[in-house]
Each structure stands twice: as C-alpha cells, then as structure tokens.
Amino acid sequence: MTADDTTRIAAHDAAARIAALPLPFDELFARGDLSVEFYAPRGADLQEPHDRDEVYIVATGSGTFLRNGERVPFAPGDFLFVAAFEEHRFEDFGDDFGTWVFFFGPVGGCRPAV
C-alpha cells in the first residue's frame, strides 16, 4: 500500500510517531492536493501562517485557538478552519494535545463558497 492509499491511521499511532521526531508534526498521508499531518506542539505553538487553506480536527487535549485575533476554546472532536496566510496558533494547551491537520487546495487558498 502506498502513502496515498492508506485506509486508516490511528491518532495514538500518529502521536507516538511524532514523539520520536525532532519536529512536532509529520505528514502521514498525501494524495493530489490533500496533505494530512498530525501536529503535537511541545510547550508552545510557534507555527507561522501557511500558503494553503487548512482544517484542524482536534484529536486530544483542549485549550484556546487564536485565528486573526479571535480566540476560541477547543476540545477533542472540534473542527477549526484557517484560510491561507491567516495568523493562527494553539494556546493554553497541555502535554496531551494533538490534532489532525488537513492542507488542501491551491497555494494561495480556495475562493470562499458563494
């Protein structure tokens, strides 16, 4: 099975893989314009804006999510959207925090739905 033909990736397996890496994320799946990562920042979320739209699905943990100056609480199962180039980060999270990240669409982001 190739990386773009994966049927299932368990969150606990993704988190264990990340724990062994120097970076707090790893791309686990890619197909066409979709890239799926698992992200588990350690201590602080230092990410910068990205050039593609992205969706987070929180796997574990809770805290606050900052996007363009707006702060919202997050918990497992929550969906969070970030358009390309928007400032965003996770805050006030514990060591148990981990989230799926889905990058999609073209560089520069997709047009909003009408």
C-alpha atoms as a PDB file:
ATOM      1  CA  MET A   1       0.000   0.000   0.000  1.00  0.00           C
ATOM      2  CA  THR A   2       1.369   3.435  -0.915  1.00  0.00           C
ATOM      3  CA  ALA A   3       1.232   6.587   1.226  1.00  0.00           C
ATOM      4  CA  ASP A   4      -1.713   7.864  -0.828  1.00  0.00           C
ATOM      5  CA  ASP A   5      -3.698   4.620  -0.433  1.00  0.00           C
ATOM      6  CA  THR A   6      -3.845   4.424   3.355  1.00  0.00           C
ATOM      7  CA  THR A   7      -7.156   3.226   4.774  1.00  0.00           C
ATOM      8  CA  ARG A   8      -6.657   4.094   8.456  1.00  0.00           C
ATOM      9  CA  ILE A   9      -4.213   5.981  10.656  1.00  0.00           C
ATOM     10  CA  ALA A  10      -4.915   5.835  14.401  1.00  0.00           C
ATOM     11  CA  ALA A  11      -4.381   9.047  16.377  1.00  0.00           C
ATOM     12  CA  HIS A  12      -2.360   7.252  19.073  1.00  0.00           C
ATOM     13  CA  ASP A  13      -0.030   5.780  16.402  1.00  0.00           C
ATOM     14  CA  ALA A  14       0.415   9.222  14.837  1.00  0.00           C
ATOM     15  CA  ALA A  15       1.146  10.777  18.248  1.00  0.00           C
ATOM     16  CA  ALA A  16       3.728   8.076  19.044  1.00  0.00           C
ATOM     17  CA  ARG A  17       5.430   8.692  15.704  1.00  0.00           C
ATOM     18  CA  ILE A  18       5.596  12.446  16.371  1.00  0.00           C
ATOM     19  CA  ALA A  19       7.052  11.912  19.858  1.00  0.00           C
ATOM     20  CA  ALA A  20      10.105  10.253  18.299  1.00  0.00           C
ATOM     21  CA  LEU A  21      10.757  13.108  15.839  1.00  0.00           C
ATOM     22  CA  PRO A  22      12.593  16.409  16.352  1.00  0.00           C
ATOM     23  CA  LEU A  23       9.671  18.385  14.832  1.00  0.00           C
ATOM     24  CA  PRO A  24       6.162  18.442  16.364  1.00  0.00           C
ATOM     25  CA  PHE A  25       4.454  17.310  13.132  1.00  0.00           C
ATOM     26  CA  ASP A  26       4.709  14.744  10.382  1.00  0.00           C
ATOM     27  CA  GLU A  27       2.954  14.279   7.045  1.00  0.00           C
ATOM     28  CA  LEU A  28       1.199  10.928   7.197  1.00  0.00           C
ATOM     29  CA  PHE A  29      -0.873  10.997   4.013  1.00  0.00           C
ATOM     30  CA  ALA A  30      -0.753  12.817   0.689  1.00  0.00           C
ATOM     31  CA  ARG A  31      -2.928  12.498  -2.389  1.00  0.00           C
ATOM     32  CA  GLY A  32      -3.460  15.115  -5.065  1.00  0.00           C
ATOM     33  CA  ASP A  33      -3.806  18.490  -3.364  1.00  0.00           C
ATOM     34  CA  LEU A  34      -4.539  16.957   0.066  1.00  0.00           C
ATOM     35  CA  SER A  35      -1.846  16.597   2.713  1.00  0.00           C
ATOM     36  CA  VAL A  36      -2.636  15.156   6.162  1.00  0.00           C
ATOM     37  CA  GLU A  37      -0.354  15.707   9.128  1.00  0.00           C
ATOM     38  CA  PHE A  38      -0.531  15.058  12.833  1.00  0.00           C
ATOM     39  CA  TYR A  39       0.599  18.040  14.916  1.00  0.00           C
ATOM     40  CA  ALA A  40       1.515  17.924  18.599  1.00  0.00           C
ATOM     41  CA  PRO A  41       3.405  21.078  19.634  1.00  0.00           C
ATOM     42  CA  ARG A  42       5.594  20.834  22.698  1.00  0.00           C
ATOM     43  CA  GLY A  43       5.232  23.694  25.162  1.00  0.00           C
ATOM     44  CA  ALA A  44       4.374  26.431  22.675  1.00  0.00           C
ATOM     45  CA  ASP A  45       2.911  26.576  19.186  1.00  0.00           C
ATOM     46  CA  LEU A  46       5.428  28.501  17.098  1.00  0.00           C
ATOM     47  CA  GLN A  47       3.896  27.948  13.660  1.00  0.00           C
ATOM     48  CA  GLU A  48       3.705  30.686  11.049  1.00  0.00           C
ATOM     49  CA  PRO A  49       0.889  31.242   8.516  1.00  0.00           C
ATOM     50  CA  HIS A  50       0.745  28.701   5.686  1.00  0.00           C
ATOM     51  CA  ASP A  51       0.225  29.278   1.974  1.00  0.00           C
ATOM     52  CA  ARG A  52      -2.701  26.816   1.667  1.00  0.00           C
ATOM     53  CA  ASP A  53      -6.073  26.509   3.382  1.00  0.00           C
ATOM     54  CA  GLU A  54      -6.129  24.105   6.307  1.00  0.00           C
ATOM     55  CA  VAL A  55      -8.524  22.313   8.612  1.00  0.00           C
ATOM     56  CA  TYR A  56      -7.728  21.024  12.089  1.00  0.00           C
ATOM     57  CA  ILE A  57      -9.667  18.218  13.766  1.00  0.00           C
ATOM     58  CA  VAL A  58      -8.599  18.116  17.413  1.00  0.00           C
ATOM     59  CA  ALA A  59      -7.720  14.553  18.446  1.00  0.00           C
ATOM     60  CA  THR A  60      -6.747  15.025  22.098  1.00  0.00           C
ATOM     61  CA  GLY A  61      -6.441  17.806  24.625  1.00  0.00           C
ATOM     62  CA  SER A  62      -8.029  21.211  24.965  1.00  0.00           C
ATOM     63  CA  GLY A  63      -7.050  24.851  25.084  1.00  0.00           C
ATOM     64  CA  THR A  64      -7.546  28.057  23.138  1.00  0.00           C
ATOM     65  CA  PHE A  65      -7.187  28.602  19.391  1.00  0.00           C
ATOM     66  CA  LEU A  66      -6.133  32.011  18.046  1.00  0.00           C
ATOM     67  CA  ARG A  67      -7.021  32.971  14.466  1.00  0.00           C
ATOM     68  CA  ASN A  68      -6.622  36.551  13.243  1.00  0.00           C
ATOM     69  CA  GLY A  69      -7.026  37.984  16.733  1.00  0.00           C
ATOM     70  CA  GLU A  70     -10.084  35.881  17.668  1.00  0.00           C
ATOM     71  CA  ARG A  71      -9.665  33.315  20.454  1.00  0.00           C
ATOM     72  CA  VAL A  72     -11.985  30.315  20.786  1.00  0.00           C
ATOM     73  CA  PRO A  73     -11.842  27.311  23.121  1.00  0.00           C
ATOM     74  CA  PHE A  74     -11.169  23.901  21.568  1.00  0.00           C
ATOM     75  CA  ALA A  75     -11.655  20.306  22.694  1.00  0.00           C
ATOM     76  CA  PRO A  76     -11.413  16.821  21.145  1.00  0.00           C
ATOM     77  CA  GLY A  77     -13.515  16.452  18.015  1.00  0.00           C
ATOM     78  CA  ASP A  78     -13.618  20.175  17.237  1.00  0.00           C
ATOM     79  CA  PHE A  79     -13.231  21.428  13.659  1.00  0.00           C
ATOM     80  CA  LEU A  80     -11.111  24.553  13.126  1.00  0.00           C
ATOM     81  CA  PHE A  81     -10.631  26.250   9.739  1.00  0.00           C
ATOM     82  CA  VAL A  82      -7.784  28.558   8.730  1.00  0.00           C
ATOM     83  CA  ALA A  83      -7.585  30.258   5.330  1.00  0.00           C
ATOM     84  CA  ALA A  84      -4.232  30.550   3.600  1.00  0.00           C
ATOM     85  CA  PHE A  85      -1.913  33.203   5.096  1.00  0.00           C
ATOM     86  CA  GLU A  86      -4.034  33.773   8.260  1.00  0.00           C
ATOM     87  CA  GLU A  87      -2.215  34.140  11.573  1.00  0.00           C
ATOM     88  CA  HIS A  88      -3.130  31.271  13.887  1.00  0.00           C
ATOM     89  CA  ARG A  89      -1.847  29.187  16.768  1.00  0.00           C
ATOM     90  CA  PHE A  90      -2.874  26.984  19.656  1.00  0.00           C
ATOM     91  CA  GLU A  91      -2.542  28.390  23.185  1.00  0.00           C
ATOM     92  CA  ASP A  92      -3.075  27.189  26.756  1.00  0.00           C
ATOM     93  CA  PHE A  93      -2.855  23.503  25.821  1.00  0.00           C
ATOM     94  CA  GLY A  94      -1.400  20.635  27.832  1.00  0.00           C
ATOM     95  CA  ASP A  95       1.082  17.889  27.031  1.00  0.00           C
ATOM     96  CA  ASP A  96      -1.784  15.675  25.836  1.00  0.00           C
ATOM     97  CA  PHE A  97      -2.709  17.973  22.915  1.00  0.00           C
ATOM     98  CA  GLY A  98      -2.635  16.579  19.385  1.00  0.00           C
ATOM     99  CA  THR A  99      -4.543  17.482  16.234  1.00  0.00           C
ATOM    100  CA  TRP A 100      -5.010  16.283  12.686  1.00  0.00           C
ATOM    101  CA  VAL A 101      -4.082  18.904  10.074  1.00  0.00           C
ATOM    102  CA  PHE A 102      -5.513  18.812   6.548  1.00  0.00           C
ATOM    103  CA  PHE A 103      -3.872  21.093   3.983  1.00  0.00           C
ATOM    104  CA  PHE A 104      -5.841  21.324   0.753  1.00  0.00           C
ATOM    105  CA  GLY A 105      -6.396  23.312  -2.396  1.00  0.00           C
ATOM    106  CA  PRO A 106      -4.011  25.509  -4.344  1.00  0.00           C
ATOM    107  CA  VAL A 107      -1.270  27.732  -2.999  1.00  0.00           C
ATOM    108  CA  GLY A 108      -2.995  30.966  -2.053  1.00  0.00           C
ATOM    109  CA  GLY A 109      -6.137  29.180  -0.852  1.00  0.00           C
ATOM    110  CA  CYS A 110      -9.546  28.432  -2.311  1.00  0.00           C
ATOM    111  CA  ARG A 111     -12.200  31.015  -3.028  1.00  0.00           C
ATOM    112  CA  PRO A 112     -14.927  31.248  -0.371  1.00  0.00           C
ATOM    113  CA  ALA A 113     -18.177  29.458  -1.238  1.00  0.00           C
ATOM    114  CA  VAL A 114     -20.953  31.717  -2.536  1.00  0.00           C
END
